[in-house]
Amino acid sequence: MLVVAALLSLVGSQEAAPTPLTPFRDVPWTRSPQVEYPAAALSRGVDRGVVTIDCAVETTGALSDCRTTEDQPAELGFGRMALSAMRQARVDTARWTLPRVAVRLSFVSN
């Protein structure tokens, strides 16, 4: 069975200043990211991956200007799948007031 771990964490950031991670459940999603396990990783027998993405939060709650800051192991599609999931995700901007959000996604297949 294939499982994408819901080990998602968020961190609000202004500029490049590091801030403590916030548990995924504490972020006010109106539409949470739905991530799929990359086929390239599965076909190569890779059972784990980690991606960190940094995005701007628009006034509508949409995420834009997303970029990966970590993609391990590289070139197996983890970053691409995570970026794709962020296109559909939405944040409740009435409750999330920071201009950016960084998301760490941990992928695990069973």
PDB file of N, CA and C in Angstrom:
ATOM      1  N   MET A   1       0.843  -1.165   0.000  1.00  0.00           N
ATOM      2  CA  MET A   1       0.000   0.000   0.000  1.00  0.00           C
ATOM      3  C   MET A   1       0.888   1.227   0.000  1.00  0.00           C
ATOM      4  N   LEU A   2       0.464   2.223  -0.709  1.00  0.00           N
ATOM      5  CA  LEU A   2       1.220   3.450  -0.855  1.00  0.00           C
ATOM      6  C   LEU A   2       0.643   4.524   0.052  1.00  0.00           C
ATOM      7  N   VAL A   3       1.488   5.120   0.823  1.00  0.00           N
ATOM      8  CA  VAL A   3       1.032   6.146   1.753  1.00  0.00           C
ATOM      9  C   VAL A   3       1.909   7.375   1.609  1.00  0.00           C
ATOM     10  N   VAL A   4       1.296   8.502   1.448  1.00  0.00           N
ATOM     11  CA  VAL A   4       2.034   9.751   1.522  1.00  0.00           C
ATOM     12  C   VAL A   4       1.824  10.261   2.937  1.00  0.00           C
ATOM     13  N   ALA A   5       2.878  10.302   3.681  1.00  0.00           N
ATOM     14  CA  ALA A   5       2.771  10.682   5.089  1.00  0.00           C
ATOM     15  C   ALA A   5       2.263  12.103   5.210  1.00  0.00           C
ATOM     16  N   ALA A   6       1.395  12.299   6.153  1.00  0.00           N
ATOM     17  CA  ALA A   6       0.865  13.628   6.411  1.00  0.00           C
ATOM     18  C   ALA A   6       1.762  14.351   7.397  1.00  0.00           C
ATOM     19  N   LEU A   7       3.052  14.160   7.197  1.00  0.00           N
ATOM     20  CA  LEU A   7       4.015  14.835   8.045  1.00  0.00           C
ATOM     21  C   LEU A   7       4.331  16.176   7.405  1.00  0.00           C
ATOM     22  N   LEU A   8       3.334  17.021   7.340  1.00  0.00           N
ATOM     23  CA  LEU A   8       3.486  18.327   6.721  1.00  0.00           C
ATOM     24  C   LEU A   8       3.635  19.358   7.820  1.00  0.00           C
ATOM     25  N   SER A   9       4.597  20.211   7.665  1.00  0.00           N
ATOM     26  CA  SER A   9       4.792  21.270   8.641  1.00  0.00           C
ATOM     27  C   SER A   9       4.894  22.584   7.904  1.00  0.00           C
ATOM     28  N   LEU A  10       4.476  23.633   8.558  1.00  0.00           N
ATOM     29  CA  LEU A  10       4.522  24.956   7.949  1.00  0.00           C
ATOM     30  C   LEU A  10       5.274  25.905   8.825  1.00  0.00           C
ATOM     31  N   VAL A  11       5.854  26.870   8.158  1.00  0.00           N
ATOM     32  CA  VAL A  11       6.542  27.922   8.886  1.00  0.00           C
ATOM     33  C   VAL A  11       6.302  29.232   8.157  1.00  0.00           C
ATOM     34  N   GLY A  12       5.854  30.233   8.847  1.00  0.00           N
ATOM     35  CA  GLY A  12       5.701  31.549   8.253  1.00  0.00           C
ATOM     36  C   GLY A  12       7.047  32.220   8.248  1.00  0.00           C
ATOM     37  N   SER A  13       7.383  32.900   7.160  1.00  0.00           N
ATOM     38  CA  SER A  13       8.668  33.566   7.115  1.00  0.00           C
ATOM     39  C   SER A  13       8.552  34.935   6.486  1.00  0.00           C
ATOM     40  N   GLN A  14       9.299  35.853   7.004  1.00  0.00           N
ATOM     41  CA  GLN A  14       9.438  37.166   6.414  1.00  0.00           C
ATOM     42  C   GLN A  14      10.881  37.253   5.984  1.00  0.00           C
ATOM     43  N   GLU A  15      11.111  37.521   4.702  1.00  0.00           N
ATOM     44  CA  GLU A  15      12.444  37.507   4.133  1.00  0.00           C
ATOM     45  C   GLU A  15      13.013  36.105   4.307  1.00  0.00           C
ATOM     46  N   ALA A  16      14.313  36.020   4.677  1.00  0.00           N
ATOM     47  CA  ALA A  16      14.947  34.717   4.800  1.00  0.00           C
ATOM     48  C   ALA A  16      15.146  34.307   6.255  1.00  0.00           C
ATOM     49  N   ALA A  17      14.568  35.045   7.191  1.00  0.00           N
ATOM     50  CA  ALA A  17      14.748  34.744   8.607  1.00  0.00           C
ATOM     51  C   ALA A  17      14.085  33.420   8.962  1.00  0.00           C
ATOM     52  N   PRO A  18      14.845  32.474   9.526  1.00  0.00           N
ATOM     53  CA  PRO A  18      14.236  31.201   9.917  1.00  0.00           C
ATOM     54  C   PRO A  18      13.300  31.383  11.106  1.00  0.00           C
ATOM     55  N   THR A  19      12.209  30.653  11.074  1.00  0.00           N
ATOM     56  CA  THR A  19      11.255  30.674  12.175  1.00  0.00           C
ATOM     57  C   THR A  19      10.902  29.248  12.544  1.00  0.00           C
ATOM     58  N   PRO A  20      10.413  29.030  13.764  1.00  0.00           N
ATOM     59  CA  PRO A  20      10.069  27.662  14.179  1.00  0.00           C
ATOM     60  C   PRO A  20       8.953  27.064  13.319  1.00  0.00           C
ATOM     61  N   LEU A  21       9.019  25.763  13.123  1.00  0.00           N
ATOM     62  CA  LEU A  21       7.971  25.069  12.370  1.00  0.00           C
ATOM     63  C   LEU A  21       6.670  25.060  13.163  1.00  0.00           C
ATOM     64  N   THR A  22       5.578  25.166  12.440  1.00  0.00           N
ATOM     65  CA  THR A  22       4.249  25.088  13.017  1.00  0.00           C
ATOM     66  C   THR A  22       3.626  23.773  12.558  1.00  0.00           C
ATOM     67  N   PRO A  23       3.018  23.007  13.444  1.00  0.00           N
ATOM     68  CA  PRO A  23       2.386  21.755  13.002  1.00  0.00           C
ATOM     69  C   PRO A  23       1.335  22.011  11.907  1.00  0.00           C
ATOM     70  N   PHE A  24       1.274  21.095  10.952  1.00  0.00           N
ATOM     71  CA  PHE A  24       0.344  21.197   9.825  1.00  0.00           C
ATOM     72  C   PHE A  24      -1.083  21.455  10.287  1.00  0.00           C
ATOM     73  N   ARG A  25      -1.508  20.755  11.332  1.00  0.00           N
ATOM     74  CA  ARG A  25      -2.893  20.895  11.822  1.00  0.00           C
ATOM     75  C   ARG A  25      -3.186  22.297  12.348  1.00  0.00           C
ATOM     76  N   ASP A  26      -2.145  23.078  12.675  1.00  0.00           N
ATOM     77  CA  ASP A  26      -2.346  24.433  13.189  1.00  0.00           C
ATOM     78  C   ASP A  26      -2.453  25.493  12.099  1.00  0.00           C
ATOM     79  N   VAL A  27      -2.213  25.100  10.862  1.00  0.00           N
ATOM     80  CA  VAL A  27      -2.340  26.046   9.747  1.00  0.00           C
ATOM     81  C   VAL A  27      -3.790  26.067   9.292  1.00  0.00           C
ATOM     82  N   PRO A  28      -4.362  27.251   9.107  1.00  0.00           N
ATOM     83  CA  PRO A  28      -5.774  27.341   8.725  1.00  0.00           C
ATOM     84  C   PRO A  28      -6.003  27.122   7.225  1.00  0.00           C
ATOM     85  N   TRP A  29      -5.953  25.884   6.799  1.00  0.00           N
ATOM     86  CA  TRP A  29      -6.214  25.562   5.389  1.00  0.00           C
ATOM     87  C   TRP A  29      -7.704  25.686   5.106  1.00  0.00           C
ATOM     88  N   THR A  30      -8.044  26.253   3.976  1.00  0.00           N
ATOM     89  CA  THR A  30      -9.413  26.131   3.482  1.00  0.00           C
ATOM     90  C   THR A  30      -9.442  25.011   2.436  1.00  0.00           C
ATOM     91  N   ARG A  31      -8.282  24.717   1.859  1.00  0.00           N
ATOM     92  CA  ARG A  31      -8.109  23.562   0.970  1.00  0.00           C
ATOM     93  C   ARG A  31      -6.680  23.069   1.177  1.00  0.00           C
ATOM     94  N   SER A  32      -6.517  21.949   1.840  1.00  0.00           N
ATOM     95  CA  SER A  32      -5.168  21.452   2.134  1.00  0.00           C
ATOM     96  C   SER A  32      -4.536  20.823   0.897  1.00  0.00           C
ATOM     97  N   PRO A  33      -3.208  20.824   0.822  1.00  0.00           N
ATOM     98  CA  PRO A  33      -2.536  20.229  -0.334  1.00  0.00           C
ATOM     99  C   PRO A  33      -2.750  18.723  -0.383  1.00  0.00           C
ATOM    100  N   GLN A  34      -3.048  18.215  -1.550  1.00  0.00           N
ATOM    101  CA  GLN A  34      -3.238  16.780  -1.775  1.00  0.00           C
ATOM    102  C   GLN A  34      -2.064  16.285  -2.615  1.00  0.00           C
ATOM    103  N   VAL A  35      -1.166  15.543  -1.991  1.00  0.00           N
ATOM    104  CA  VAL A  35       0.086  15.151  -2.626  1.00  0.00           C
ATOM    105  C   VAL A  35       0.052  13.681  -3.010  1.00  0.00           C
ATOM    106  N   GLU A  36       0.551  13.379  -4.201  1.00  0.00           N
ATOM    107  CA  GLU A  36       0.668  11.992  -4.664  1.00  0.00           C
ATOM    108  C   GLU A  36       2.132  11.567  -4.638  1.00  0.00           C
ATOM    109  N   TYR A  37       2.365  10.285  -4.401  1.00  0.00           N
ATOM    110  CA  TYR A  37       3.726   9.746  -4.407  1.00  0.00           C
ATOM    111  C   TYR A  37       4.221   9.689  -5.850  1.00  0.00           C
ATOM    112  N   PRO A  38       5.429  10.181  -6.136  1.00  0.00           N
ATOM    113  CA  PRO A  38       5.924  10.204  -7.521  1.00  0.00           C
ATOM    114  C   PRO A  38       6.198   8.808  -8.089  1.00  0.00           C
ATOM    115  N   ALA A  39       5.703   8.570  -9.279  1.00  0.00           N
ATOM    116  CA  ALA A  39       5.872   7.271  -9.944  1.00  0.00           C
ATOM    117  C   ALA A  39       7.350   6.945 -10.171  1.00  0.00           C
ATOM    118  N   ALA A  40       8.167   7.946 -10.501  1.00  0.00           N
ATOM    119  CA  ALA A  40       9.594   7.698 -10.745  1.00  0.00           C
ATOM    120  C   ALA A  40      10.275   7.149  -9.492  1.00  0.00           C
ATOM    121  N   ALA A  41       9.932   7.675  -8.349  1.00  0.00           N
ATOM    122  CA  ALA A  41      10.516   7.193  -7.095  1.00  0.00           C
ATOM    123  C   ALA A  41      10.038   5.778  -6.793  1.00  0.00           C
ATOM    124  N   LEU A  42       8.764   5.539  -7.004  1.00  0.00           N
ATOM    125  CA  LEU A  42       8.200   4.220  -6.754  1.00  0.00           C
ATOM    126  C   LEU A  42       8.851   3.162  -7.652  1.00  0.00           C
ATOM    127  N   SER A  43       9.018   3.493  -8.944  1.00  0.00           N
ATOM    128  CA  SER A  43       9.590   2.524  -9.880  1.00  0.00           C
ATOM    129  C   SER A  43      11.055   2.216  -9.580  1.00  0.00           C
ATOM    130  N   ARG A  44      11.738   3.124  -8.896  1.00  0.00           N
ATOM    131  CA  ARG A  44      13.139   2.894  -8.526  1.00  0.00           C
ATOM    132  C   ARG A  44      13.279   2.330  -7.119  1.00  0.00           C
ATOM    133  N   GLY A  45      12.158   2.046  -6.472  1.00  0.00           N
ATOM    134  CA  GLY A  45      12.198   1.452  -5.146  1.00  0.00           C
ATOM    135  C   GLY A  45      12.554   2.422  -4.036  1.00  0.00           C
ATOM    136  N   VAL A  46      12.417   3.707  -4.293  1.00  0.00           N
ATOM    137  CA  VAL A  46      12.703   4.715  -3.268  1.00  0.00           C
ATOM    138  C   VAL A  46      11.480   4.838  -2.375  1.00  0.00           C
ATOM    139  N   ASP A  47      11.658   4.600  -1.091  1.00  0.00           N
ATOM    140  CA  ASP A  47      10.503   4.564  -0.191  1.00  0.00           C
ATOM    141  C   ASP A  47      10.340   5.815   0.673  1.00  0.00           C
ATOM    142  N   ARG A  48      11.207   6.811   0.513  1.00  0.00           N
ATOM    143  CA  ARG A  48      11.105   8.042   1.302  1.00  0.00           C
ATOM    144  C   ARG A  48      11.601   9.240   0.505  1.00  0.00           C
ATOM    145  N   GLY A  49      11.017  10.388   0.800  1.00  0.00           N
ATOM    146  CA  GLY A  49      11.472  11.638   0.202  1.00  0.00           C
ATOM    147  C   GLY A  49      11.018  12.805   1.053  1.00  0.00           C
ATOM    148  N   VAL A  50      11.741  13.906   0.955  1.00  0.00           N
ATOM    149  CA  VAL A  50      11.403  15.112   1.703  1.00  0.00           C
ATOM    150  C   VAL A  50      11.523  16.307   0.772  1.00  0.00           C
ATOM    151  N   VAL A  51      10.529  17.184   0.838  1.00  0.00           N
ATOM    152  CA  VAL A  51      10.536  18.410   0.046  1.00  0.00           C
ATOM    153  C   VAL A  51      10.156  19.561   0.961  1.00  0.00           C
ATOM    154  N   THR A  52      10.868  20.660   0.814  1.00  0.00           N
ATOM    155  CA  THR A  52      10.484  21.895   1.491  1.00  0.00           C
ATOM    156  C   THR A  52      10.193  22.921   0.410  1.00  0.00           C
ATOM    157  N   ILE A  53       9.044  23.568   0.525  1.00  0.00           N
ATOM    158  CA  ILE A  53       8.602  24.557  -0.457  1.00  0.00           C
ATOM    159  C   ILE A  53       8.321  25.864   0.252  1.00  0.00           C
ATOM    160  N   ASP A  54       8.702  26.952  -0.391  1.00  0.00           N
ATOM    161  CA  ASP A  54       8.445  28.298   0.129  1.00  0.00           C
ATOM    162  C   ASP A  54       7.514  28.993  -0.860  1.00  0.00           C
ATOM    163  N   CYS A  55       6.385  29.534  -0.373  1.00  0.00           N
ATOM    164  CA  CYS A  55       5.393  30.184  -1.232  1.00  0.00           C
ATOM    165  C   CYS A  55       4.943  31.516  -0.648  1.00  0.00           C
ATOM    166  N   ALA A  56       4.527  32.407  -1.518  1.00  0.00           N
ATOM    167  CA  ALA A  56       3.856  33.633  -1.089  1.00  0.00           C
ATOM    168  C   ALA A  56       2.390  33.310  -0.867  1.00  0.00           C
ATOM    169  N   VAL A  57       1.775  33.968   0.104  1.00  0.00           N
ATOM    170  CA  VAL A  57       0.350  33.793   0.367  1.00  0.00           C
ATOM    171  C   VAL A  57      -0.379  35.008  -0.178  1.00  0.00           C
ATOM    172  N   GLU A  58      -1.236  34.794  -1.169  1.00  0.00           N
ATOM    173  CA  GLU A  58      -2.008  35.869  -1.782  1.00  0.00           C
ATOM    174  C   GLU A  58      -3.190  36.249  -0.889  1.00  0.00           C
ATOM    175  N   THR A  59      -3.778  37.399  -1.120  1.00  0.00           N
ATOM    176  CA  THR A  59      -4.928  37.847  -0.323  1.00  0.00           C
ATOM    177  C   THR A  59      -6.118  36.911  -0.470  1.00  0.00           C
ATOM    178  N   THR A  60      -6.179  36.160  -1.570  1.00  0.00           N
ATOM    179  CA  THR A  60      -7.257  35.197  -1.793  1.00  0.00           C
ATOM    180  C   THR A  60      -7.029  33.881  -1.060  1.00  0.00           C
ATOM    181  N   GLY A  61      -5.822  33.703  -0.509  1.00  0.00           N
ATOM    182  CA  GLY A  61      -5.471  32.443   0.134  1.00  0.00           C
ATOM    183  C   GLY A  61      -4.706  31.504  -0.774  1.00  0.00           C
ATOM    184  N   ALA A  62      -4.641  31.836  -2.056  1.00  0.00           N
ATOM    185  CA  ALA A  62      -3.872  31.025  -2.998  1.00  0.00           C
ATOM    186  C   ALA A  62      -2.384  31.183  -2.702  1.00  0.00           C
ATOM    187  N   LEU A  63      -1.612  30.174  -3.059  1.00  0.00           N
ATOM    188  CA  LEU A  63      -0.172  30.227  -2.890  1.00  0.00           C
ATOM    189  C   LEU A  63       0.465  30.504  -4.244  1.00  0.00           C
ATOM    190  N   SER A  64       1.442  31.409  -4.268  1.00  0.00           N
ATOM    191  CA  SER A  64       2.114  31.748  -5.524  1.00  0.00           C
ATOM    192  C   SER A  64       3.615  31.850  -5.283  1.00  0.00           C
ATOM    193  N   ASP A  65       4.359  32.049  -6.350  1.00  0.00           N
ATOM    194  CA  ASP A  65       5.815  32.206  -6.262  1.00  0.00           C
ATOM    195  C   ASP A  65       6.423  31.057  -5.453  1.00  0.00           C
ATOM    196  N   CYS A  66       5.924  29.843  -5.680  1.00  0.00           N
ATOM    197  CA  CYS A  66       6.422  28.684  -4.928  1.00  0.00           C
ATOM    198  C   CYS A  66       7.737  28.189  -5.521  1.00  0.00           C
ATOM    199  N   ARG A  67       8.632  27.815  -4.640  1.00  0.00           N
ATOM    200  CA  ARG A  67       9.911  27.256  -5.074  1.00  0.00           C
ATOM    201  C   ARG A  67      10.364  26.216  -4.050  1.00  0.00           C
ATOM    202  N   THR A  68      11.040  25.197  -4.535  1.00  0.00           N
ATOM    203  CA  THR A  68      11.561  24.180  -3.624  1.00  0.00           C
ATOM    204  C   THR A  68      12.881  24.669  -3.052  1.00  0.00           C
ATOM    205  N   THR A  69      13.051  24.473  -1.769  1.00  0.00           N
ATOM    206  CA  THR A  69      14.311  24.801  -1.116  1.00  0.00           C
ATOM    207  C   THR A  69      15.035  23.539  -0.666  1.00  0.00           C
ATOM    208  N   GLU A  70      14.334  22.415  -0.728  1.00  0.00           N
ATOM    209  CA  GLU A  70      14.911  21.099  -0.427  1.00  0.00           C
ATOM    210  C   GLU A  70      14.123  20.071  -1.229  1.00  0.00           C
ATOM    211  N   ASP A  71      14.816  19.140  -1.865  1.00  0.00           N
ATOM    212  CA  ASP A  71      14.179  18.079  -2.653  1.00  0.00           C
ATOM    213  C   ASP A  71      15.086  16.857  -2.593  1.00  0.00           C
ATOM    214  N   GLN A  72      14.792  15.933  -1.676  1.00  0.00           N
ATOM    215  CA  GLN A  72      15.657  14.780  -1.460  1.00  0.00           C
ATOM    216  C   GLN A  72      14.864  13.482  -1.502  1.00  0.00           C
ATOM    217  N   PRO A  73      15.267  12.484  -2.217  1.00  0.00           N
ATOM    218  CA  PRO A  73      16.354  12.522  -3.186  1.00  0.00           C
ATOM    219  C   PRO A  73      15.939  13.319  -4.428  1.00  0.00           C
ATOM    220  N   ALA A  74      16.900  13.991  -4.977  1.00  0.00           N
ATOM    221  CA  ALA A  74      16.653  14.876  -6.125  1.00  0.00           C
ATOM    222  C   ALA A  74      16.309  14.078  -7.386  1.00  0.00           C
ATOM    223  N   GLU A  75      15.631  14.753  -8.285  1.00  0.00           N
ATOM    224  CA  GLU A  75      15.340  14.225  -9.628  1.00  0.00           C
ATOM    225  C   GLU A  75      14.416  13.017  -9.676  1.00  0.00           C
ATOM    226  N   LEU A  76      13.634  12.783  -8.633  1.00  0.00           N
ATOM    227  CA  LEU A  76      12.707  11.658  -8.651  1.00  0.00           C
ATOM    228  C   LEU A  76      11.252  12.099  -8.622  1.00  0.00           C
ATOM    229  N   GLY A  77      11.001  13.395  -8.715  1.00  0.00           N
ATOM    230  CA  GLY A  77       9.635  13.881  -8.823  1.00  0.00           C
ATOM    231  C   GLY A  77       8.992  14.358  -7.541  1.00  0.00           C
ATOM    232  N   PHE A  78       9.682  14.254  -6.406  1.00  0.00           N
ATOM    233  CA  PHE A  78       9.083  14.710  -5.152  1.00  0.00           C
ATOM    234  C   PHE A  78       8.781  16.203  -5.202  1.00  0.00           C
ATOM    235  N   GLY A  79       9.738  16.996  -5.648  1.00  0.00           N
ATOM    236  CA  GLY A  79       9.533  18.445  -5.740  1.00  0.00           C
ATOM    237  C   GLY A  79       8.417  18.815  -6.686  1.00  0.00           C
ATOM    238  N   ARG A  80       8.378  18.173  -7.834  1.00  0.00           N
ATOM    239  CA  ARG A  80       7.336  18.441  -8.830  1.00  0.00           C
ATOM    240  C   ARG A  80       5.945  18.131  -8.281  1.00  0.00           C
ATOM    241  N   MET A  81       5.810  17.008  -7.585  1.00  0.00           N
ATOM    242  CA  MET A  81       4.517  16.633  -7.021  1.00  0.00           C
ATOM    243  C   MET A  81       4.091  17.608  -5.922  1.00  0.00           C
ATOM    244  N   ALA A  82       5.047  18.030  -5.108  1.00  0.00           N
ATOM    245  CA  ALA A  82       4.741  18.975  -4.036  1.00  0.00           C
ATOM    246  C   ALA A  82       4.328  20.333  -4.609  1.00  0.00           C
ATOM    247  N   LEU A  83       5.040  20.812  -5.610  1.00  0.00           N
ATOM    248  CA  LEU A  83       4.674  22.085  -6.251  1.00  0.00           C
ATOM    249  C   LEU A  83       3.288  22.004  -6.878  1.00  0.00           C
ATOM    250  N   SER A  84       2.988  20.888  -7.495  1.00  0.00           N
ATOM    251  CA  SER A  84       1.672  20.693  -8.094  1.00  0.00           C
ATOM    252  C   SER A  84       0.575  20.760  -7.037  1.00  0.00           C
ATOM    253  N   ALA A  85       0.805  20.148  -5.892  1.00  0.00           N
ATOM    254  CA  ALA A  85      -0.184  20.158  -4.805  1.00  0.00           C
ATOM    255  C   ALA A  85      -0.418  21.567  -4.275  1.00  0.00           C
ATOM    256  N   MET A  86       0.612  22.382  -4.262  1.00  0.00           N
ATOM    257  CA  MET A  86       0.478  23.756  -3.748  1.00  0.00           C
ATOM    258  C   MET A  86      -0.396  24.627  -4.644  1.00  0.00           C
ATOM    259  N   ARG A  87      -0.495  24.292  -5.922  1.00  0.00           N
ATOM    260  CA  ARG A  87      -1.334  25.079  -6.846  1.00  0.00           C
ATOM    261  C   ARG A  87      -2.808  25.043  -6.461  1.00  0.00           C
ATOM    262  N   GLN A  88      -3.236  23.952  -5.850  1.00  0.00           N
ATOM    263  CA  GLN A  88      -4.642  23.802  -5.472  1.00  0.00           C
ATOM    264  C   GLN A  88      -4.917  24.161  -4.018  1.00  0.00           C
ATOM    265  N   ALA A  89      -3.880  24.249  -3.206  1.00  0.00           N
ATOM    266  CA  ALA A  89      -4.040  24.518  -1.775  1.00  0.00           C
ATOM    267  C   ALA A  89      -4.463  25.970  -1.542  1.00  0.00           C
ATOM    268  N   ARG A  90      -5.212  26.185  -0.460  1.00  0.00           N
ATOM    269  CA  ARG A  90      -5.640  27.532  -0.065  1.00  0.00           C
ATOM    270  C   ARG A  90      -5.506  27.685   1.439  1.00  0.00           C
ATOM    271  N   VAL A  91      -5.118  28.896   1.853  1.00  0.00           N
ATOM    272  CA  VAL A  91      -4.955  29.231   3.265  1.00  0.00           C
ATOM    273  C   VAL A  91      -6.025  30.247   3.643  1.00  0.00           C
ATOM    274  N   ASP A  92      -6.559  30.121   4.840  1.00  0.00           N
ATOM    275  CA  ASP A  92      -7.538  31.085   5.357  1.00  0.00           C
ATOM    276  C   ASP A  92      -6.776  32.333   5.800  1.00  0.00           C
ATOM    277  N   THR A  93      -6.793  33.368   4.976  1.00  0.00           N
ATOM    278  CA  THR A  93      -6.006  34.569   5.252  1.00  0.00           C
ATOM    279  C   THR A  93      -6.576  35.411   6.389  1.00  0.00           C
ATOM    280  N   ALA A  94      -7.781  35.130   6.813  1.00  0.00           N
ATOM    281  CA  ALA A  94      -8.306  35.827   7.993  1.00  0.00           C
ATOM    282  C   ALA A  94      -7.575  35.343   9.249  1.00  0.00           C
ATOM    283  N   ARG A  95      -7.044  34.122   9.180  1.00  0.00           N
ATOM    284  CA  ARG A  95      -6.352  33.552  10.336  1.00  0.00           C
ATOM    285  C   ARG A  95      -4.848  33.393  10.129  1.00  0.00           C
ATOM    286  N   TRP A  96      -4.378  33.433   8.886  1.00  0.00           N
ATOM    287  CA  TRP A  96      -2.936  33.354   8.575  1.00  0.00           C
ATOM    288  C   TRP A  96      -2.528  34.683   7.993  1.00  0.00           C
ATOM    289  N   THR A  97      -1.778  35.474   8.746  1.00  0.00           N
ATOM    290  CA  THR A  97      -1.497  36.850   8.335  1.00  0.00           C
ATOM    291  C   THR A  97      -0.076  37.079   7.838  1.00  0.00           C
ATOM    292  N   LEU A  98       0.759  36.064   7.844  1.00  0.00           N
ATOM    293  CA  LEU A  98       2.127  36.228   7.361  1.00  0.00           C
ATOM    294  C   LEU A  98       2.162  36.229   5.840  1.00  0.00           C
ATOM    295  N   PRO A  99       3.118  36.947   5.235  1.00  0.00           N
ATOM    296  CA  PRO A  99       3.165  37.064   3.774  1.00  0.00           C
ATOM    297  C   PRO A  99       3.648  35.815   3.047  1.00  0.00           C
ATOM    298  N   ARG A 100       4.371  34.927   3.743  1.00  0.00           N
ATOM    299  CA  ARG A 100       4.882  33.716   3.099  1.00  0.00           C
ATOM    300  C   ARG A 100       4.623  32.521   3.990  1.00  0.00           C
ATOM    301  N   VAL A 101       4.663  31.354   3.388  1.00  0.00           N
ATOM    302  CA  VAL A 101       4.537  30.106   4.128  1.00  0.00           C
ATOM    303  C   VAL A 101       5.529  29.116   3.518  1.00  0.00           C
ATOM    304  N   ALA A 102       6.241  28.397   4.370  1.00  0.00           N
ATOM    305  CA  ALA A 102       7.147  27.342   3.915  1.00  0.00           C
ATOM    306  C   ALA A 102       6.555  26.014   4.359  1.00  0.00           C
ATOM    307  N   VAL A 103       6.513  25.064   3.462  1.00  0.00           N
ATOM    308  CA  VAL A 103       5.862  23.783   3.733  1.00  0.00           C
ATOM    309  C   VAL A 103       6.880  22.661   3.579  1.00  0.00           C
ATOM    310  N   ARG A 104       6.959  21.791   4.569  1.00  0.00           N
ATOM    311  CA  ARG A 104       7.814  20.597   4.471  1.00  0.00           C
ATOM    312  C   ARG A 104       6.896  19.388   4.312  1.00  0.00           C
ATOM    313  N   LEU A 105       7.112  18.641   3.256  1.00  0.00           N
ATOM    314  CA  LEU A 105       6.324  17.438   2.997  1.00  0.00           C
ATOM    315  C   LEU A 105       7.243  16.233   3.088  1.00  0.00           C
ATOM    316  N   SER A 106       6.844  15.249   3.870  1.00  0.00           N
ATOM    317  CA  SER A 106       7.594  13.987   3.983  1.00  0.00           C
ATOM    318  C   SER A 106       6.780  12.907   3.305  1.00  0.00           C
ATOM    319  N   PHE A 107       7.400  12.243   2.342  1.00  0.00           N
ATOM    320  CA  PHE A 107       6.757  11.175   1.587  1.00  0.00           C
ATOM    321  C   PHE A 107       7.254   9.822   2.119  1.00  0.00           C
ATOM    322  N   VAL A 108       6.335   8.892   2.324  1.00  0.00           N
ATOM    323  CA  VAL A 108       6.702   7.545   2.753  1.00  0.00           C
ATOM    324  C   VAL A 108       5.805   6.566   1.999  1.00  0.00           C
ATOM    325  N   SER A 109       6.431   5.517   1.426  1.00  0.00           N
ATOM    326  CA  SER A 109       5.608   4.474   0.800  1.00  0.00           C
ATOM    327  C   SER A 109       5.737   3.210   1.627  1.00  0.00           C
ATOM    328  N   ASN A 110       4.633   2.493   1.735  1.00  0.00           N
ATOM    329  CA  ASN A 110       4.632   1.233   2.500  1.00  0.00           C
ATOM    330  C   ASN A 110       4.417   0.087   1.550  1.00  0.00           C
TER     331      ASN A 110
END
